[in-house]
Amino acid sequence: MFLTEIPKEDLEKIINFFENKKILIISDILKGRGEFSADWMLVILKVNGKETWALKSINEVMQIFGNGDVGLTKKGSLWIGRIKMQRKGGDNGRDTAKMLQFKINPVEIFDN
């Protein structure tokens, strides 16, 4: 089910939930929790044989990808800042198709 298929009043509750918990959600997605939580993010970009890299603290990365509002995509998924949340799907009916996935474009780290 896409978010655009949900009644408006329920959709507002979902969006409010993500707006109210935005910082915690972004932290869980990018940093994680506990002993193995990330402190840094390294992104290596290789184009036409030329490599560029960026190393940023996780707090800076969370600000980069958390910048922006919570809202809907054109196809009914959810934006949380610059993080796209969508249902996983595409698993030929396996239980994993019911999971959520969170997507970022790691190259955006170079713009900041």
PDB file of N, CA and C in Angstrom:
ATOM      1  N   MET A   1       0.833  -1.181   0.000  1.00  0.00           N
ATOM      2  CA  MET A   1       0.000   0.000   0.000  1.00  0.00           C
ATOM      3  C   MET A   1       0.880   1.249   0.000  1.00  0.00           C
ATOM      4  N   PHE A   2       0.563   2.188  -0.844  1.00  0.00           N
ATOM      5  CA  PHE A   2       1.283   3.451  -0.888  1.00  0.00           C
ATOM      6  C   PHE A   2       0.579   4.457   0.023  1.00  0.00           C
ATOM      7  N   LEU A   3       1.323   5.438   0.488  1.00  0.00           N
ATOM      8  CA  LEU A   3       0.753   6.416   1.405  1.00  0.00           C
ATOM      9  C   LEU A   3      -0.361   7.232   0.761  1.00  0.00           C
ATOM     10  N   THR A   4      -0.321   7.373  -0.552  1.00  0.00           N
ATOM     11  CA  THR A   4      -1.372   8.124  -1.240  1.00  0.00           C
ATOM     12  C   THR A   4      -2.692   7.355  -1.258  1.00  0.00           C
ATOM     13  N   GLU A   5      -2.671   6.069  -0.882  1.00  0.00           N
ATOM     14  CA  GLU A   5      -3.883   5.243  -0.850  1.00  0.00           C
ATOM     15  C   GLU A   5      -4.542   5.244   0.528  1.00  0.00           C
ATOM     16  N   ILE A   6      -3.963   5.949   1.482  1.00  0.00           N
ATOM     17  CA  ILE A   6      -4.463   5.990   2.845  1.00  0.00           C
ATOM     18  C   ILE A   6      -5.376   7.204   3.003  1.00  0.00           C
ATOM     19  N   PRO A   7      -6.452   7.077   3.780  1.00  0.00           N
ATOM     20  CA  PRO A   7      -7.327   8.242   4.004  1.00  0.00           C
ATOM     21  C   PRO A   7      -6.534   9.426   4.557  1.00  0.00           C
ATOM     22  N   LYS A   8      -6.948  10.639   4.149  1.00  0.00           N
ATOM     23  CA  LYS A   8      -6.207  11.871   4.493  1.00  0.00           C
ATOM     24  C   LYS A   8      -5.965  12.031   5.990  1.00  0.00           C
ATOM     25  N   GLU A   9      -6.958  11.747   6.826  1.00  0.00           N
ATOM     26  CA  GLU A   9      -6.782  11.943   8.264  1.00  0.00           C
ATOM     27  C   GLU A   9      -5.749  10.973   8.840  1.00  0.00           C
ATOM     28  N   ASP A  10      -5.696   9.753   8.315  1.00  0.00           N
ATOM     29  CA  ASP A  10      -4.679   8.796   8.759  1.00  0.00           C
ATOM     30  C   ASP A  10      -3.298   9.200   8.238  1.00  0.00           C
ATOM     31  N   LEU A  11      -3.264   9.703   7.020  1.00  0.00           N
ATOM     32  CA  LEU A  11      -2.007  10.158   6.433  1.00  0.00           C
ATOM     33  C   LEU A  11      -1.418  11.311   7.243  1.00  0.00           C
ATOM     34  N   GLU A  12      -2.263  12.226   7.684  1.00  0.00           N
ATOM     35  CA  GLU A  12      -1.787  13.334   8.520  1.00  0.00           C
ATOM     36  C   GLU A  12      -1.189  12.828   9.826  1.00  0.00           C
ATOM     37  N   LYS A  13      -1.788  11.792  10.418  1.00  0.00           N
ATOM     38  CA  LYS A  13      -1.255  11.200  11.652  1.00  0.00           C
ATOM     39  C   LYS A  13       0.117  10.574  11.407  1.00  0.00           C
ATOM     40  N   ILE A  14       0.268   9.903  10.270  1.00  0.00           N
ATOM     41  CA  ILE A  14       1.552   9.271   9.930  1.00  0.00           C
ATOM     42  C   ILE A  14       2.628  10.334   9.733  1.00  0.00           C
ATOM     43  N   ILE A  15       2.310  11.362   8.965  1.00  0.00           N
ATOM     44  CA  ILE A  15       3.278  12.434   8.713  1.00  0.00           C
ATOM     45  C   ILE A  15       3.635  13.145  10.015  1.00  0.00           C
ATOM     46  N   ASN A  16       2.662  13.412  10.860  1.00  0.00           N
ATOM     47  CA  ASN A  16       2.931  14.025  12.162  1.00  0.00           C
ATOM     48  C   ASN A  16       3.843  13.157  13.018  1.00  0.00           C
ATOM     49  N   PHE A  17       3.622  11.848  12.984  1.00  0.00           N
ATOM     50  CA  PHE A  17       4.483  10.927  13.726  1.00  0.00           C
ATOM     51  C   PHE A  17       5.932  11.077  13.282  1.00  0.00           C
ATOM     52  N   PHE A  18       6.161  11.059  11.968  1.00  0.00           N
ATOM     53  CA  PHE A  18       7.522  11.164  11.451  1.00  0.00           C
ATOM     54  C   PHE A  18       8.108  12.555  11.689  1.00  0.00           C
ATOM     55  N   GLU A  19       7.302  13.595  11.641  1.00  0.00           N
ATOM     56  CA  GLU A  19       7.798  14.938  11.949  1.00  0.00           C
ATOM     57  C   GLU A  19       8.224  15.043  13.411  1.00  0.00           C
ATOM     58  N   ASN A  20       7.428  14.481  14.304  1.00  0.00           N
ATOM     59  CA  ASN A  20       7.730  14.544  15.735  1.00  0.00           C
ATOM     60  C   ASN A  20       8.936  13.697  16.131  1.00  0.00           C
ATOM     61  N   LYS A  21       9.205  12.643  15.387  1.00  0.00           N
ATOM     62  CA  LYS A  21      10.303  11.723  15.723  1.00  0.00           C
ATOM     63  C   LYS A  21      11.440  11.789  14.704  1.00  0.00           C
ATOM     64  N   LYS A  22      11.462  12.845  13.903  1.00  0.00           N
ATOM     65  CA  LYS A  22      12.408  12.969  12.783  1.00  0.00           C
ATOM     66  C   LYS A  22      13.869  12.789  13.208  1.00  0.00           C
ATOM     67  N   ILE A  23      14.295  13.470  14.250  1.00  0.00           N
ATOM     68  CA  ILE A  23      15.698  13.395  14.674  1.00  0.00           C
ATOM     69  C   ILE A  23      16.071  11.977  15.098  1.00  0.00           C
ATOM     70  N   LEU A  24      15.207  11.339  15.874  1.00  0.00           N
ATOM     71  CA  LEU A  24      15.466   9.971  16.321  1.00  0.00           C
ATOM     72  C   LEU A  24      15.501   8.995  15.145  1.00  0.00           C
ATOM     73  N   ILE A  25      14.577   9.149  14.204  1.00  0.00           N
ATOM     74  CA  ILE A  25      14.520   8.268  13.037  1.00  0.00           C
ATOM     75  C   ILE A  25      15.775   8.432  12.186  1.00  0.00           C
ATOM     76  N   ILE A  26      16.171   9.662  11.921  1.00  0.00           N
ATOM     77  CA  ILE A  26      17.377   9.916  11.122  1.00  0.00           C
ATOM     78  C   ILE A  26      18.608   9.351  11.819  1.00  0.00           C
ATOM     79  N   SER A  27      18.681   9.518  13.118  1.00  0.00           N
ATOM     80  CA  SER A  27      19.795   8.974  13.886  1.00  0.00           C
ATOM     81  C   SER A  27      19.832   7.448  13.787  1.00  0.00           C
ATOM     82  N   ASP A  28      18.685   6.804  13.926  1.00  0.00           N
ATOM     83  CA  ASP A  28      18.636   5.342  13.827  1.00  0.00           C
ATOM     84  C   ASP A  28      19.038   4.851  12.436  1.00  0.00           C
ATOM     85  N   ILE A  29      18.588   5.555  11.400  1.00  0.00           N
ATOM     86  CA  ILE A  29      18.892   5.135  10.030  1.00  0.00           C
ATOM     87  C   ILE A  29      20.384   5.300   9.716  1.00  0.00           C
ATOM     88  N   LEU A  30      20.952   6.448  10.040  1.00  0.00           N
ATOM     89  CA  LEU A  30      22.325   6.755   9.623  1.00  0.00           C
ATOM     90  C   LEU A  30      23.385   6.358  10.645  1.00  0.00           C
ATOM     91  N   LYS A  31      23.093   6.509  11.906  1.00  0.00           N
ATOM     92  CA  LYS A  31      24.091   6.288  12.948  1.00  0.00           C
ATOM     93  C   LYS A  31      23.941   4.922  13.607  1.00  0.00           C
ATOM     94  N   GLY A  32      22.719   4.531  13.864  1.00  0.00           N
ATOM     95  CA  GLY A  32      22.466   3.299  14.603  1.00  0.00           C
ATOM     96  C   GLY A  32      22.538   3.575  16.098  1.00  0.00           C
ATOM     97  N   ARG A  33      22.472   2.484  16.862  1.00  0.00           N
ATOM     98  CA  ARG A  33      22.492   2.610  18.320  1.00  0.00           C
ATOM     99  C   ARG A  33      23.459   1.598  18.908  1.00  0.00           C
ATOM    100  N   GLY A  34      23.902   1.907  20.095  1.00  0.00           N
ATOM    101  CA  GLY A  34      24.688   0.939  20.845  1.00  0.00           C
ATOM    102  C   GLY A  34      26.163   0.956  20.525  1.00  0.00           C
ATOM    103  N   GLU A  35      26.788  -0.135  20.855  1.00  0.00           N
ATOM    104  CA  GLU A  35      28.252  -0.268  20.785  1.00  0.00           C
ATOM    105  C   GLU A  35      28.816  -0.023  19.386  1.00  0.00           C
ATOM    106  N   PHE A  36      28.078  -0.412  18.368  1.00  0.00           N
ATOM    107  CA  PHE A  36      28.600  -0.316  17.008  1.00  0.00           C
ATOM    108  C   PHE A  36      28.006   0.849  16.219  1.00  0.00           C
ATOM    109  N   SER A  37      27.499   1.863  16.909  1.00  0.00           N
ATOM    110  CA  SER A  37      26.951   3.015  16.198  1.00  0.00           C
ATOM    111  C   SER A  37      28.085   3.758  15.475  1.00  0.00           C
ATOM    112  N   ALA A  38      27.737   4.337  14.345  1.00  0.00           N
ATOM    113  CA  ALA A  38      28.729   4.993  13.492  1.00  0.00           C
ATOM    114  C   ALA A  38      29.101   6.368  14.026  1.00  0.00           C
ATOM    115  N   ASP A  39      30.372   6.724  13.886  1.00  0.00           N
ATOM    116  CA  ASP A  39      30.846   8.060  14.218  1.00  0.00           C
ATOM    117  C   ASP A  39      31.196   8.868  12.966  1.00  0.00           C
ATOM    118  N   TRP A  40      31.445   8.166  11.862  1.00  0.00           N
ATOM    119  CA  TRP A  40      31.895   8.795  10.623  1.00  0.00           C
ATOM    120  C   TRP A  40      31.223   8.134   9.430  1.00  0.00           C
ATOM    121  N   MET A  41      31.164   8.856   8.312  1.00  0.00           N
ATOM    122  CA  MET A  41      30.725   8.269   7.048  1.00  0.00           C
ATOM    123  C   MET A  41      31.768   8.603   5.986  1.00  0.00           C
ATOM    124  N   LEU A  42      32.206   7.577   5.279  1.00  0.00           N
ATOM    125  CA  LEU A  42      33.152   7.724   4.178  1.00  0.00           C
ATOM    126  C   LEU A  42      32.427   7.400   2.887  1.00  0.00           C
ATOM    127  N   VAL A  43      32.523   8.302   1.921  1.00  0.00           N
ATOM    128  CA  VAL A  43      31.941   8.093   0.601  1.00  0.00           C
ATOM    129  C   VAL A  43      33.057   8.258  -0.410  1.00  0.00           C
ATOM    130  N   ILE A  44      33.192   7.256  -1.283  1.00  0.00           N
ATOM    131  CA  ILE A  44      34.204   7.298  -2.345  1.00  0.00           C
ATOM    132  C   ILE A  44      33.466   7.316  -3.678  1.00  0.00           C
ATOM    133  N   LEU A  45      33.784   8.290  -4.495  1.00  0.00           N
ATOM    134  CA  LEU A  45      33.155   8.443  -5.802  1.00  0.00           C
ATOM    135  C   LEU A  45      34.215   8.207  -6.871  1.00  0.00           C
ATOM    136  N   LYS A  46      33.935   7.253  -7.747  1.00  0.00           N
ATOM    137  CA  LYS A  46      34.872   6.949  -8.826  1.00  0.00           C
ATOM    138  C   LYS A  46      34.153   7.180 -10.156  1.00  0.00           C
ATOM    139  N   VAL A  47      34.639   8.168 -10.925  1.00  0.00           N
ATOM    140  CA  VAL A  47      34.051   8.510 -12.214  1.00  0.00           C
ATOM    141  C   VAL A  47      35.174   8.570 -13.231  1.00  0.00           C
ATOM    142  N   ASN A  48      35.022   7.812 -14.298  1.00  0.00           N
ATOM    143  CA  ASN A  48      36.015   7.778 -15.378  1.00  0.00           C
ATOM    144  C   ASN A  48      37.432   7.522 -14.855  1.00  0.00           C
ATOM    145  N   GLY A  49      37.542   6.618 -13.894  1.00  0.00           N
ATOM    146  CA  GLY A  49      38.854   6.249 -13.361  1.00  0.00           C
ATOM    147  C   GLY A  49      39.429   7.225 -12.348  1.00  0.00           C
ATOM    148  N   LYS A  50      38.740   8.322 -12.096  1.00  0.00           N
ATOM    149  CA  LYS A  50      39.219   9.315 -11.142  1.00  0.00           C
ATOM    150  C   LYS A  50      38.426   9.177  -9.835  1.00  0.00           C
ATOM    151  N   GLU A  51      39.152   9.082  -8.729  1.00  0.00           N
ATOM    152  CA  GLU A  51      38.526   8.906  -7.427  1.00  0.00           C
ATOM    153  C   GLU A  51      38.516  10.200  -6.625  1.00  0.00           C
ATOM    154  N   THR A  52      37.409  10.430  -5.937  1.00  0.00           N
ATOM    155  CA  THR A  52      37.267  11.523  -4.980  1.00  0.00           C
ATOM    156  C   THR A  52      36.643  10.913  -3.741  1.00  0.00           C
ATOM    157  N   TRP A  53      37.015  11.426  -2.597  1.00  0.00           N
ATOM    158  CA  TRP A  53      36.409  10.887  -1.381  1.00  0.00           C
ATOM    159  C   TRP A  53      36.075  12.005  -0.404  1.00  0.00           C
ATOM    160  N   ALA A  54      35.148  11.685   0.486  1.00  0.00           N
ATOM    161  CA  ALA A  54      34.751  12.627   1.539  1.00  0.00           C
ATOM    162  C   ALA A  54      34.545  11.832   2.821  1.00  0.00           C
ATOM    163  N   LEU A  55      35.083  12.340   3.906  1.00  0.00           N
ATOM    164  CA  LEU A  55      34.918  11.747   5.224  1.00  0.00           C
ATOM    165  C   LEU A  55      34.271  12.812   6.107  1.00  0.00           C
ATOM    166  N   LYS A  56      33.091  12.497   6.628  1.00  0.00           N
ATOM    167  CA  LYS A  56      32.355  13.472   7.449  1.00  0.00           C
ATOM    168  C   LYS A  56      31.928  12.812   8.757  1.00  0.00           C
ATOM    169  N   SER A  57      31.843  13.634   9.798  1.00  0.00           N
ATOM    170  CA  SER A  57      31.334  13.121  11.068  1.00  0.00           C
ATOM    171  C   SER A  57      29.864  12.765  10.894  1.00  0.00           C
ATOM    172  N   ILE A  58      29.400  11.800  11.662  1.00  0.00           N
ATOM    173  CA  ILE A  58      28.018  11.347  11.518  1.00  0.00           C
ATOM    174  C   ILE A  58      27.031  12.457  11.854  1.00  0.00           C
ATOM    175  N   ASN A  59      27.401  13.356  12.760  1.00  0.00           N
ATOM    176  CA  ASN A  59      26.497  14.467  13.078  1.00  0.00           C
ATOM    177  C   ASN A  59      26.321  15.398  11.881  1.00  0.00           C
ATOM    178  N   GLU A  60      27.404  15.642  11.159  1.00  0.00           N
ATOM    179  CA  GLU A  60      27.323  16.463   9.946  1.00  0.00           C
ATOM    180  C   GLU A  60      26.496  15.752   8.880  1.00  0.00           C
ATOM    181  N   VAL A  61      26.679  14.439   8.750  1.00  0.00           N
ATOM    182  CA  VAL A  61      25.929  13.644   7.775  1.00  0.00           C
ATOM    183  C   VAL A  61      24.436  13.661   8.114  1.00  0.00           C
ATOM    184  N   MET A  62      24.124  13.554   9.409  1.00  0.00           N
ATOM    185  CA  MET A  62      22.719  13.588   9.825  1.00  0.00           C
ATOM    186  C   MET A  62      22.084  14.936   9.502  1.00  0.00           C
ATOM    187  N   GLN A  63      22.850  16.011   9.605  1.00  0.00           N
ATOM    188  CA  GLN A  63      22.321  17.324   9.238  1.00  0.00           C
ATOM    189  C   GLN A  63      22.104  17.440   7.735  1.00  0.00           C
ATOM    190  N   ILE A  64      23.029  16.876   6.965  1.00  0.00           N
ATOM    191  CA  ILE A  64      22.905  16.923   5.503  1.00  0.00           C
ATOM    192  C   ILE A  64      21.646  16.185   5.056  1.00  0.00           C
ATOM    193  N   PHE A  65      21.493  14.935   5.499  1.00  0.00           N
ATOM    194  CA  PHE A  65      20.375  14.116   5.021  1.00  0.00           C
ATOM    195  C   PHE A  65      19.072  14.403   5.770  1.00  0.00           C
ATOM    196  N   GLY A  66      19.152  15.009   6.934  1.00  0.00           N
ATOM    197  CA  GLY A  66      17.949  15.353   7.678  1.00  0.00           C
ATOM    198  C   GLY A  66      17.383  16.705   7.308  1.00  0.00           C
ATOM    199  N   ASN A  67      18.122  17.447   6.485  1.00  0.00           N
ATOM    200  CA  ASN A  67      17.692  18.787   6.086  1.00  0.00           C
ATOM    201  C   ASN A  67      16.498  18.686   5.141  1.00  0.00           C
ATOM    202  N   GLY A  68      15.397  19.261   5.540  1.00  0.00           N
ATOM    203  CA  GLY A  68      14.192  19.237   4.714  1.00  0.00           C
ATOM    204  C   GLY A  68      12.996  18.773   5.519  1.00  0.00           C
ATOM    205  N   ASP A  69      11.858  18.846   4.892  1.00  0.00           N
ATOM    206  CA  ASP A  69      10.605  18.520   5.565  1.00  0.00           C
ATOM    207  C   ASP A  69      10.268  17.044   5.420  1.00  0.00           C
ATOM    208  N   VAL A  70       9.249  16.636   6.144  1.00  0.00           N
ATOM    209  CA  VAL A  70       8.649  15.315   5.980  1.00  0.00           C
ATOM    210  C   VAL A  70       7.484  15.498   5.029  1.00  0.00           C
ATOM    211  N   GLY A  71       7.435  14.691   3.972  1.00  0.00           N
ATOM    212  CA  GLY A  71       6.358  14.823   2.994  1.00  0.00           C
ATOM    213  C   GLY A  71       6.310  13.637   2.063  1.00  0.00           C
ATOM    214  N   LEU A  72       5.386  13.673   1.147  1.00  0.00           N
ATOM    215  CA  LEU A  72       5.173  12.572   0.215  1.00  0.00           C
ATOM    216  C   LEU A  72       5.933  12.770  -1.090  1.00  0.00           C
ATOM    217  N   THR A  73       6.372  11.653  -1.660  1.00  0.00           N
ATOM    218  CA  THR A  73       6.938  11.673  -3.006  1.00  0.00           C
ATOM    219  C   THR A  73       5.778  11.603  -4.002  1.00  0.00           C
ATOM    220  N   LYS A  74       6.077  11.783  -5.259  1.00  0.00           N
ATOM    221  CA  LYS A  74       5.039  11.712  -6.292  1.00  0.00           C
ATOM    222  C   LYS A  74       4.403  10.326  -6.360  1.00  0.00           C
ATOM    223  N   LYS A  75       5.171   9.291  -6.003  1.00  0.00           N
ATOM    224  CA  LYS A  75       4.675   7.916  -6.115  1.00  0.00           C
ATOM    225  C   LYS A  75       4.114   7.363  -4.814  1.00  0.00           C
ATOM    226  N   GLY A  76       3.995   8.203  -3.783  1.00  0.00           N
ATOM    227  CA  GLY A  76       3.350   7.759  -2.559  1.00  0.00           C
ATOM    228  C   GLY A  76       4.270   7.209  -1.496  1.00  0.00           C
ATOM    229  N   SER A  77       5.561   7.448  -1.603  1.00  0.00           N
ATOM    230  CA  SER A  77       6.494   7.094  -0.539  1.00  0.00           C
ATOM    231  C   SER A  77       6.689   8.327   0.341  1.00  0.00           C
ATOM    232  N   LEU A  78       7.581   8.249   1.299  1.00  0.00           N
ATOM    233  CA  LEU A  78       7.736   9.337   2.257  1.00  0.00           C
ATOM    234  C   LEU A  78       9.148   9.884   2.221  1.00  0.00           C
ATOM    235  N   TRP A  79       9.274  11.216   2.191  1.00  0.00           N
ATOM    236  CA  TRP A  79      10.559  11.890   2.360  1.00  0.00           C
ATOM    237  C   TRP A  79      10.703  12.268   3.831  1.00  0.00           C
ATOM    238  N   ILE A  80      11.842  11.959   4.396  1.00  0.00           N
ATOM    239  CA  ILE A  80      12.196  12.426   5.731  1.00  0.00           C
ATOM    240  C   ILE A  80      13.476  13.217   5.518  1.00  0.00           C
ATOM    241  N   GLY A  81      13.354  14.516   5.316  1.00  0.00           N
ATOM    242  CA  GLY A  81      14.510  15.301   4.902  1.00  0.00           C
ATOM    243  C   GLY A  81      14.909  14.854   3.507  1.00  0.00           C
ATOM    244  N   ARG A  82      16.139  14.376   3.348  1.00  0.00           N
ATOM    245  CA  ARG A  82      16.614  13.871   2.054  1.00  0.00           C
ATOM    246  C   ARG A  82      16.646  12.348   2.019  1.00  0.00           C
ATOM    247  N   ILE A  83      16.000  11.722   2.978  1.00  0.00           N
ATOM    248  CA  ILE A  83      15.943  10.261   3.053  1.00  0.00           C
ATOM    249  C   ILE A  83      14.574   9.824   2.546  1.00  0.00           C
ATOM    250  N   LYS A  84      14.575   8.879   1.625  1.00  0.00           N
ATOM    251  CA  LYS A  84      13.324   8.386   1.068  1.00  0.00           C
ATOM    252  C   LYS A  84      12.980   7.063   1.736  1.00  0.00           C
ATOM    253  N   MET A  85      11.761   6.966   2.254  1.00  0.00           N
ATOM    254  CA  MET A  85      11.285   5.729   2.855  1.00  0.00           C
ATOM    255  C   MET A  85      10.251   5.118   1.924  1.00  0.00           C
ATOM    256  N   GLN A  86      10.422   3.838   1.616  1.00  0.00           N
ATOM    257  CA  GLN A  86       9.443   3.172   0.764  1.00  0.00           C
ATOM    258  C   GLN A  86       9.332   1.716   1.171  1.00  0.00           C
ATOM    259  N   ARG A  87       8.249   1.089   0.760  1.00  0.00           N
ATOM    260  CA  ARG A  87       8.126  -0.339   1.039  1.00  0.00           C
ATOM    261  C   ARG A  87       9.098  -1.075   0.141  1.00  0.00           C
ATOM    262  N   LYS A  88       9.629  -2.185   0.642  1.00  0.00           N
ATOM    263  CA  LYS A  88      10.681  -2.891  -0.079  1.00  0.00           C
ATOM    264  C   LYS A  88      10.148  -3.494  -1.365  1.00  0.00           C
ATOM    265  N   GLY A  89       9.198  -4.388  -1.268  1.00  0.00           N
ATOM    266  CA  GLY A  89       8.589  -4.983  -2.459  1.00  0.00           C
ATOM    267  C   GLY A  89       9.576  -5.759  -3.322  1.00  0.00           C
ATOM    268  N   GLY A  90       9.095  -6.274  -4.436  1.00  0.00           N
ATOM    269  CA  GLY A  90       9.935  -6.941  -5.417  1.00  0.00           C
ATOM    270  C   GLY A  90      10.557  -8.246  -4.978  1.00  0.00           C
ATOM    271  N   ASP A  91       9.980  -8.916  -3.976  1.00  0.00           N
ATOM    272  CA  ASP A  91      10.554 -10.173  -3.494  1.00  0.00           C
ATOM    273  C   ASP A  91       9.674 -11.372  -3.791  1.00  0.00           C
ATOM    274  N   ASN A  92       8.857 -11.289  -4.831  1.00  0.00           N
ATOM    275  CA  ASN A  92       7.989 -12.396  -5.245  1.00  0.00           C
ATOM    276  C   ASN A  92       7.139 -12.951  -4.109  1.00  0.00           C
ATOM    277  N   GLY A  93       6.600 -12.052  -3.284  1.00  0.00           N
ATOM    278  CA  GLY A  93       5.685 -12.463  -2.236  1.00  0.00           C
ATOM    279  C   GLY A  93       6.315 -12.912  -0.934  1.00  0.00           C
ATOM    280  N   ARG A  94       7.648 -12.882  -0.828  1.00  0.00           N
ATOM    281  CA  ARG A  94       8.284 -13.265   0.441  1.00  0.00           C
ATOM    282  C   ARG A  94       7.969 -12.230   1.507  1.00  0.00           C
ATOM    283  N   ASP A  95       8.133 -12.627   2.779  1.00  0.00           N
ATOM    284  CA  ASP A  95       7.840 -11.720   3.884  1.00  0.00           C
ATOM    285  C   ASP A  95       8.677 -10.448   3.843  1.00  0.00           C
ATOM    286  N   THR A  96       9.876 -10.513   3.265  1.00  0.00           N
ATOM    287  CA  THR A  96      10.724  -9.325   3.207  1.00  0.00           C
ATOM    288  C   THR A  96      10.100  -8.221   2.359  1.00  0.00           C
ATOM    289  N   ALA A  97       9.147  -8.553   1.507  1.00  0.00           N
ATOM    290  CA  ALA A  97       8.470  -7.544   0.692  1.00  0.00           C
ATOM    291  C   ALA A  97       7.607  -6.619   1.545  1.00  0.00           C
ATOM    292  N   LYS A  98       7.343  -7.003   2.782  1.00  0.00           N
ATOM    293  CA  LYS A  98       6.529  -6.187   3.688  1.00  0.00           C
ATOM    294  C   LYS A  98       7.380  -5.209   4.492  1.00  0.00           C
ATOM    295  N   MET A  99       8.685  -5.255   4.314  1.00  0.00           N
ATOM    296  CA  MET A  99       9.587  -4.388   5.072  1.00  0.00           C
ATOM    297  C   MET A  99       9.679  -3.002   4.434  1.00  0.00           C
ATOM    298  N   LEU A 100      10.261  -2.075   5.193  1.00  0.00           N
ATOM    299  CA  LEU A 100      10.534  -0.740   4.681  1.00  0.00           C
ATOM    300  C   LEU A 100      12.005  -0.635   4.325  1.00  0.00           C
ATOM    301  N   GLN A 101      12.323   0.208   3.369  1.00  0.00           N
ATOM    302  CA  GLN A 101      13.716   0.523   3.089  1.00  0.00           C
ATOM    303  C   GLN A 101      13.876   2.026   3.059  1.00  0.00           C
ATOM    304  N   PHE A 102      15.059   2.456   3.467  1.00  0.00           N
ATOM    305  CA  PHE A 102      15.387   3.874   3.521  1.00  0.00           C
ATOM    306  C   PHE A 102      16.526   4.110   2.551  1.00  0.00           C
ATOM    307  N   LYS A 103      16.363   5.083   1.671  1.00  0.00           N
ATOM    308  CA  LYS A 103      17.353   5.329   0.624  1.00  0.00           C
ATOM    309  C   LYS A 103      17.917   6.739   0.733  1.00  0.00           C
ATOM    310  N   ILE A 104      19.235   6.826   0.521  1.00  0.00           N
ATOM    311  CA  ILE A 104      19.905   8.117   0.437  1.00  0.00           C
ATOM    312  C   ILE A 104      20.749   8.118  -0.830  1.00  0.00           C
ATOM    313  N   ASN A 105      21.126   9.295  -1.264  1.00  0.00           N
ATOM    314  CA  ASN A 105      22.090   9.425  -2.345  1.00  0.00           C
ATOM    315  C   ASN A 105      23.397   9.866  -1.701  1.00  0.00           C
ATOM    316  N   PRO A 106      24.338   8.954  -1.477  1.00  0.00           N
ATOM    317  CA  PRO A 106      25.557   9.296  -0.745  1.00  0.00           C
ATOM    318  C   PRO A 106      26.390  10.384  -1.406  1.00  0.00           C
ATOM    319  N   VAL A 107      26.216  10.629  -2.695  1.00  0.00           N
ATOM    320  CA  VAL A 107      26.983  11.659  -3.388  1.00  0.00           C
ATOM    321  C   VAL A 107      26.621  13.056  -2.870  1.00  0.00           C
ATOM    322  N   GLU A 108      25.448  13.194  -2.263  1.00  0.00           N
ATOM    323  CA  GLU A 108      25.048  14.488  -1.704  1.00  0.00           C
ATOM    324  C   GLU A 108      25.986  14.968  -0.610  1.00  0.00           C
ATOM    325  N   ILE A 109      26.761  14.074  -0.060  1.00  0.00           N
ATOM    326  CA  ILE A 109      27.735  14.435   0.970  1.00  0.00           C
ATOM    327  C   ILE A 109      28.823  15.361   0.404  1.00  0.00           C
ATOM    328  N   PHE A 110      29.061  15.295  -0.925  1.00  0.00           N
ATOM    329  CA  PHE A 110      30.086  16.123  -1.545  1.00  0.00           C
ATOM    330  C   PHE A 110      29.614  17.567  -1.713  1.00  0.00           C
ATOM    331  N   ASP A 111      28.318  17.792  -1.755  1.00  0.00           N
ATOM    332  CA  ASP A 111      27.784  19.132  -1.955  1.00  0.00           C
ATOM    333  C   ASP A 111      27.863  19.997  -0.717  1.00  0.00           C
ATOM    334  N   ASN A 112      28.200  19.378   0.422  1.00  0.00           N
ATOM    335  CA  ASN A 112      28.165  20.116   1.685  1.00  0.00           C
ATOM    336  C   ASN A 112      29.521  20.125   2.371  1.00  0.00           C
TER     337      ASN A 112
END
